[in-house]
Amino acid sequence: MPIRKIRDFLDSHHIRYFIISHSPAYTAQEIAAAAHVPGKELAKTVMVTIDGKLAMAVLPASNKLDFDKLKDAAGTGNVTLASEEDFADMFPGCEVGAMPPFGNLYGMKTYVAEELAEDAEIVFSAGNHKELLRLSYTDFERLVKPDVIAMSV
């Protein structure tokens, strides 16, 4: 979902947001530095498979996904990191590794680390490696309806 489609989606729901442009960056920590956003405030999307189905795990850029916690929250013993091949065709118009955390728009479950839910705002990649979106966490939660869980370290 390129930036235009994300903006149209947010606009159609009357969501206030900001676009942050930055120099090209590819890792979550590089993006946070380039955009002058603290790593704990930038949300990264980690693609996982849960019982063979793709899902999004959204956590602070400065944290790592705890697979055991995600397994417990999902009620399964089968959670693995998805390969790029598993999801490359799922996000037309998005650059690999820059998927926005809107699993609901792609028919997949979205899990959000509880640390992000404690912040007033959420900042995330907008489908490419040069732009971020910032919006209120409350609006994000209302649109995406994620499961908020303890899943990062």
C-alpha atoms as a PDB file:
ATOM      1  CA  MET A   1       0.000   0.000   0.000  1.00  0.00           C
ATOM      2  CA  PRO A   2       1.909   3.072  -1.195  1.00  0.00           C
ATOM      3  CA  ILE A   3       1.781   6.354   0.707  1.00  0.00           C
ATOM      4  CA  ARG A   4      -1.105   7.706  -1.433  1.00  0.00           C
ATOM      5  CA  LYS A   5      -3.349   4.750  -0.551  1.00  0.00           C
ATOM      6  CA  ILE A   6      -2.472   5.000   3.132  1.00  0.00           C
ATOM      7  CA  ARG A   7      -3.245   8.710   3.081  1.00  0.00           C
ATOM      8  CA  ASP A   8      -6.555   8.070   1.305  1.00  0.00           C
ATOM      9  CA  PHE A   9      -7.450   5.421   3.901  1.00  0.00           C
ATOM     10  CA  LEU A  10      -6.612   7.740   6.797  1.00  0.00           C
ATOM     11  CA  ASP A  11      -8.368  10.687   5.150  1.00  0.00           C
ATOM     12  CA  SER A  12     -11.514   8.622   4.565  1.00  0.00           C
ATOM     13  CA  HIS A  13     -11.621   7.969   8.316  1.00  0.00           C
ATOM     14  CA  HIS A  14     -10.902  11.647   9.156  1.00  0.00           C
ATOM     15  CA  ILE A  15      -7.611  10.775  10.863  1.00  0.00           C
ATOM     16  CA  ARG A  16      -5.093  13.524  11.570  1.00  0.00           C
ATOM     17  CA  TYR A  17      -1.543  12.458  10.648  1.00  0.00           C
ATOM     18  CA  PHE A  18       1.858  13.838   9.751  1.00  0.00           C
ATOM     19  CA  ILE A  19       4.298  12.700   7.082  1.00  0.00           C
ATOM     20  CA  ILE A  20       7.964  12.648   8.046  1.00  0.00           C
ATOM     21  CA  SER A  21      10.405  12.544   5.136  1.00  0.00           C
ATOM     22  CA  HIS A  22      13.949  11.327   5.707  1.00  0.00           C
ATOM     23  CA  SER A  23      16.984  10.227   3.737  1.00  0.00           C
ATOM     24  CA  PRO A  24      16.843   6.596   2.565  1.00  0.00           C
ATOM     25  CA  ALA A  25      17.313   4.171   5.455  1.00  0.00           C
ATOM     26  CA  TYR A  26      16.609   0.464   5.724  1.00  0.00           C
ATOM     27  CA  THR A  27      16.935  -0.833   9.272  1.00  0.00           C
ATOM     28  CA  ALA A  28      14.576   0.359  11.969  1.00  0.00           C
ATOM     29  CA  GLN A  29      17.405   1.970  13.919  1.00  0.00           C
ATOM     30  CA  GLU A  30      18.745   3.720  10.778  1.00  0.00           C
ATOM     31  CA  ILE A  31      15.255   5.025  10.040  1.00  0.00           C
ATOM     32  CA  ALA A  32      14.834   6.293  13.600  1.00  0.00           C
ATOM     33  CA  ALA A  33      18.164   8.127  13.396  1.00  0.00           C
ATOM     34  CA  ALA A  34      17.492   9.574   9.924  1.00  0.00           C
ATOM     35  CA  ALA A  35      14.048  10.832  10.968  1.00  0.00           C
ATOM     36  CA  HIS A  36      15.178  12.000  14.437  1.00  0.00           C
ATOM     37  CA  VAL A  37      12.622   9.744  16.121  1.00  0.00           C
ATOM     38  CA  PRO A  38      13.666   7.831  19.259  1.00  0.00           C
ATOM     39  CA  GLY A  39      13.927   4.079  18.547  1.00  0.00           C
ATOM     40  CA  LYS A  40      11.444   3.309  21.311  1.00  0.00           C
ATOM     41  CA  GLU A  41       8.842   5.516  19.594  1.00  0.00           C
ATOM     42  CA  LEU A  42       9.268   4.157  16.060  1.00  0.00           C
ATOM     43  CA  ALA A  43       7.166   1.083  15.332  1.00  0.00           C
ATOM     44  CA  LYS A  44       8.656  -1.644  13.160  1.00  0.00           C
ATOM     45  CA  THR A  45       6.605  -4.347  11.501  1.00  0.00           C
ATOM     46  CA  VAL A  46       7.968  -7.883  11.785  1.00  0.00           C
ATOM     47  CA  MET A  47       6.253 -10.418   9.560  1.00  0.00           C
ATOM     48  CA  VAL A  48       5.633 -13.787  11.212  1.00  0.00           C
ATOM     49  CA  THR A  49       3.686 -16.926  10.477  1.00  0.00           C
ATOM     50  CA  ILE A  50       1.375 -18.243  13.162  1.00  0.00           C
ATOM     51  CA  ASP A  51       0.110 -21.742  12.461  1.00  0.00           C
ATOM     52  CA  GLY A  52       1.041 -21.189   8.812  1.00  0.00           C
ATOM     53  CA  LYS A  53      -0.825 -17.862   8.454  1.00  0.00           C
ATOM     54  CA  LEU A  54       0.929 -14.527   7.976  1.00  0.00           C
ATOM     55  CA  ALA A  55       0.595 -12.000  10.788  1.00  0.00           C
ATOM     56  CA  MET A  56       2.186  -8.691  11.770  1.00  0.00           C
ATOM     57  CA  ALA A  57       4.073  -8.179  15.006  1.00  0.00           C
ATOM     58  CA  VAL A  58       4.520  -4.450  15.617  1.00  0.00           C
ATOM     59  CA  LEU A  59       7.074  -3.412  18.211  1.00  0.00           C
ATOM     60  CA  PRO A  60       9.417  -0.549  19.077  1.00  0.00           C
ATOM     61  CA  ALA A  61      12.371  -0.296  16.677  1.00  0.00           C
ATOM     62  CA  SER A  62      14.781  -0.573  19.594  1.00  0.00           C
ATOM     63  CA  ASN A  63      13.293  -3.891  20.775  1.00  0.00           C
ATOM     64  CA  LYS A  64      13.436  -7.497  19.590  1.00  0.00           C
ATOM     65  CA  LEU A  65      10.523  -9.847  19.166  1.00  0.00           C
ATOM     66  CA  ASP A  66      10.185 -12.470  21.898  1.00  0.00           C
ATOM     67  CA  PHE A  67       8.780 -15.450  20.008  1.00  0.00           C
ATOM     68  CA  ASP A  68       7.868 -17.318  23.203  1.00  0.00           C
ATOM     69  CA  LYS A  69       5.702 -14.427  24.410  1.00  0.00           C
ATOM     70  CA  LEU A  70       4.021 -14.195  21.012  1.00  0.00           C
ATOM     71  CA  LYS A  71       3.385 -17.959  21.044  1.00  0.00           C
ATOM     72  CA  ASP A  72       1.761 -17.689  24.468  1.00  0.00           C
ATOM     73  CA  ALA A  73      -0.411 -14.739  23.415  1.00  0.00           C
ATOM     74  CA  ALA A  74      -1.455 -16.440  20.173  1.00  0.00           C
ATOM     75  CA  GLY A  75      -2.180 -19.678  22.000  1.00  0.00           C
ATOM     76  CA  THR A  76       0.048 -21.771  19.765  1.00  0.00           C
ATOM     77  CA  GLY A  77       3.473 -23.358  19.680  1.00  0.00           C
ATOM     78  CA  ASN A  78       3.974 -22.594  16.007  1.00  0.00           C
ATOM     79  CA  VAL A  79       5.281 -19.047  15.417  1.00  0.00           C
ATOM     80  CA  THR A  80       8.143 -18.417  13.003  1.00  0.00           C
ATOM     81  CA  LEU A  81       9.752 -15.454  11.318  1.00  0.00           C
ATOM     82  CA  ALA A  82       8.319 -15.133   7.798  1.00  0.00           C
ATOM     83  CA  SER A  83      10.751 -15.027   4.903  1.00  0.00           C
ATOM     84  CA  GLU A  84      10.567 -12.191   2.376  1.00  0.00           C
ATOM     85  CA  GLU A  85       9.380 -14.765  -0.175  1.00  0.00           C
ATOM     86  CA  ASP A  86       6.389 -15.520   2.074  1.00  0.00           C
ATOM     87  CA  PHE A  87       5.026 -11.970   1.873  1.00  0.00           C
ATOM     88  CA  ALA A  88       6.711 -10.217  -1.069  1.00  0.00           C
ATOM     89  CA  ASP A  89       3.498 -10.255  -3.145  1.00  0.00           C
ATOM     90  CA  MET A  90       1.187  -9.359  -0.252  1.00  0.00           C
ATOM     91  CA  PHE A  91       1.958  -5.626  -0.264  1.00  0.00           C
ATOM     92  CA  PRO A  92       1.772  -4.259  -3.808  1.00  0.00           C
ATOM     93  CA  GLY A  93       3.383  -0.853  -4.094  1.00  0.00           C
ATOM     94  CA  CYS A  94       5.296  -1.230  -0.833  1.00  0.00           C
ATOM     95  CA  GLU A  95       9.018  -1.661  -0.620  1.00  0.00           C
ATOM     96  CA  VAL A  96      10.062  -4.860   1.159  1.00  0.00           C
ATOM     97  CA  GLY A  97      10.658  -4.121   4.813  1.00  0.00           C
ATOM     98  CA  ALA A  98       8.589  -0.909   4.810  1.00  0.00           C
ATOM     99  CA  MET A  99       5.095  -2.329   5.224  1.00  0.00           C
ATOM    100  CA  PRO A 100       2.771  -0.152   7.297  1.00  0.00           C
ATOM    101  CA  PRO A 101       1.282  -1.970  10.318  1.00  0.00           C
ATOM    102  CA  PHE A 102      -2.247  -2.244   8.937  1.00  0.00           C
ATOM    103  CA  GLY A 103      -2.717  -6.013   8.906  1.00  0.00           C
ATOM    104  CA  ASN A 104      -6.474  -5.522   8.829  1.00  0.00           C
ATOM    105  CA  LEU A 105      -6.180  -4.162   5.266  1.00  0.00           C
ATOM    106  CA  TYR A 106      -4.474  -7.367   4.162  1.00  0.00           C
ATOM    107  CA  GLY A 107      -6.646  -9.886   5.989  1.00  0.00           C
ATOM    108  CA  MET A 108      -4.068 -10.683   8.638  1.00  0.00           C
ATOM    109  CA  LYS A 109      -3.873 -10.460  12.399  1.00  0.00           C
ATOM    110  CA  THR A 110      -1.899  -7.591  13.904  1.00  0.00           C
ATOM    111  CA  TYR A 111      -0.178  -7.849  17.277  1.00  0.00           C
ATOM    112  CA  VAL A 112       1.187  -4.690  18.924  1.00  0.00           C
ATOM    113  CA  ALA A 113       3.713  -4.582  21.750  1.00  0.00           C
ATOM    114  CA  GLU A 114       2.168  -3.074  24.853  1.00  0.00           C
ATOM    115  CA  GLU A 115       4.959  -0.484  25.053  1.00  0.00           C
ATOM    116  CA  LEU A 116       3.646   1.140  21.870  1.00  0.00           C
ATOM    117  CA  ALA A 117       0.104   1.245  23.237  1.00  0.00           C
ATOM    118  CA  GLU A 118       1.372   3.325  26.158  1.00  0.00           C
ATOM    119  CA  ASP A 119       2.508   6.147  23.847  1.00  0.00           C
ATOM    120  CA  ALA A 120       0.260   8.991  22.725  1.00  0.00           C
ATOM    121  CA  GLU A 121       1.441   8.587  19.125  1.00  0.00           C
ATOM    122  CA  ILE A 122       2.727   5.882  16.817  1.00  0.00           C
ATOM    123  CA  VAL A 123       5.268   6.426  14.028  1.00  0.00           C
ATOM    124  CA  PHE A 124       5.838   3.839  11.289  1.00  0.00           C
ATOM    125  CA  SER A 125       7.089   3.306   7.744  1.00  0.00           C
ATOM    126  CA  ALA A 126       4.658   4.447   5.105  1.00  0.00           C
ATOM    127  CA  GLY A 127       5.396   1.824   2.467  1.00  0.00           C
ATOM    128  CA  ASN A 128       8.824   3.046   1.435  1.00  0.00           C
ATOM    129  CA  HIS A 129      12.260   3.685   2.927  1.00  0.00           C
ATOM    130  CA  LYS A 130      11.996   7.490   2.833  1.00  0.00           C
ATOM    131  CA  GLU A 131       8.730   8.350   4.597  1.00  0.00           C
ATOM    132  CA  LEU A 132       7.102   7.758   7.950  1.00  0.00           C
ATOM    133  CA  LEU A 133       3.617   8.467   9.213  1.00  0.00           C
ATOM    134  CA  ARG A 134       2.844   9.799  12.696  1.00  0.00           C
ATOM    135  CA  LEU A 135      -0.667   9.594  14.125  1.00  0.00           C
ATOM    136  CA  SER A 136      -2.318   9.178  17.474  1.00  0.00           C
ATOM    137  CA  TYR A 137      -2.102   5.687  18.884  1.00  0.00           C
ATOM    138  CA  THR A 138      -5.810   5.869  19.754  1.00  0.00           C
ATOM    139  CA  ASP A 139      -6.710   6.422  16.085  1.00  0.00           C
ATOM    140  CA  PHE A 140      -4.359   3.640  14.993  1.00  0.00           C
ATOM    141  CA  GLU A 141      -5.916   1.221  17.484  1.00  0.00           C
ATOM    142  CA  ARG A 142      -9.443   2.175  16.421  1.00  0.00           C
ATOM    143  CA  LEU A 143      -8.646   1.476  12.747  1.00  0.00           C
ATOM    144  CA  VAL A 144      -6.481  -1.641  13.071  1.00  0.00           C
ATOM    145  CA  LYS A 145      -7.960  -3.282  16.197  1.00  0.00           C
ATOM    146  CA  PRO A 146      -4.695  -5.043  17.080  1.00  0.00           C
ATOM    147  CA  ASP A 147      -4.138  -7.481  19.914  1.00  0.00           C
ATOM    148  CA  VAL A 148      -1.962  -5.588  22.396  1.00  0.00           C
ATOM    149  CA  ILE A 149       0.412  -7.993  24.113  1.00  0.00           C
ATOM    150  CA  ALA A 150       3.755  -8.286  25.893  1.00  0.00           C
ATOM    151  CA  MET A 151       6.014  -9.589  23.128  1.00  0.00           C
ATOM    152  CA  SER A 152       9.224  -7.601  22.978  1.00  0.00           C
ATOM    153  CA  VAL A 153      12.518  -7.397  24.823  1.00  0.00           C
END
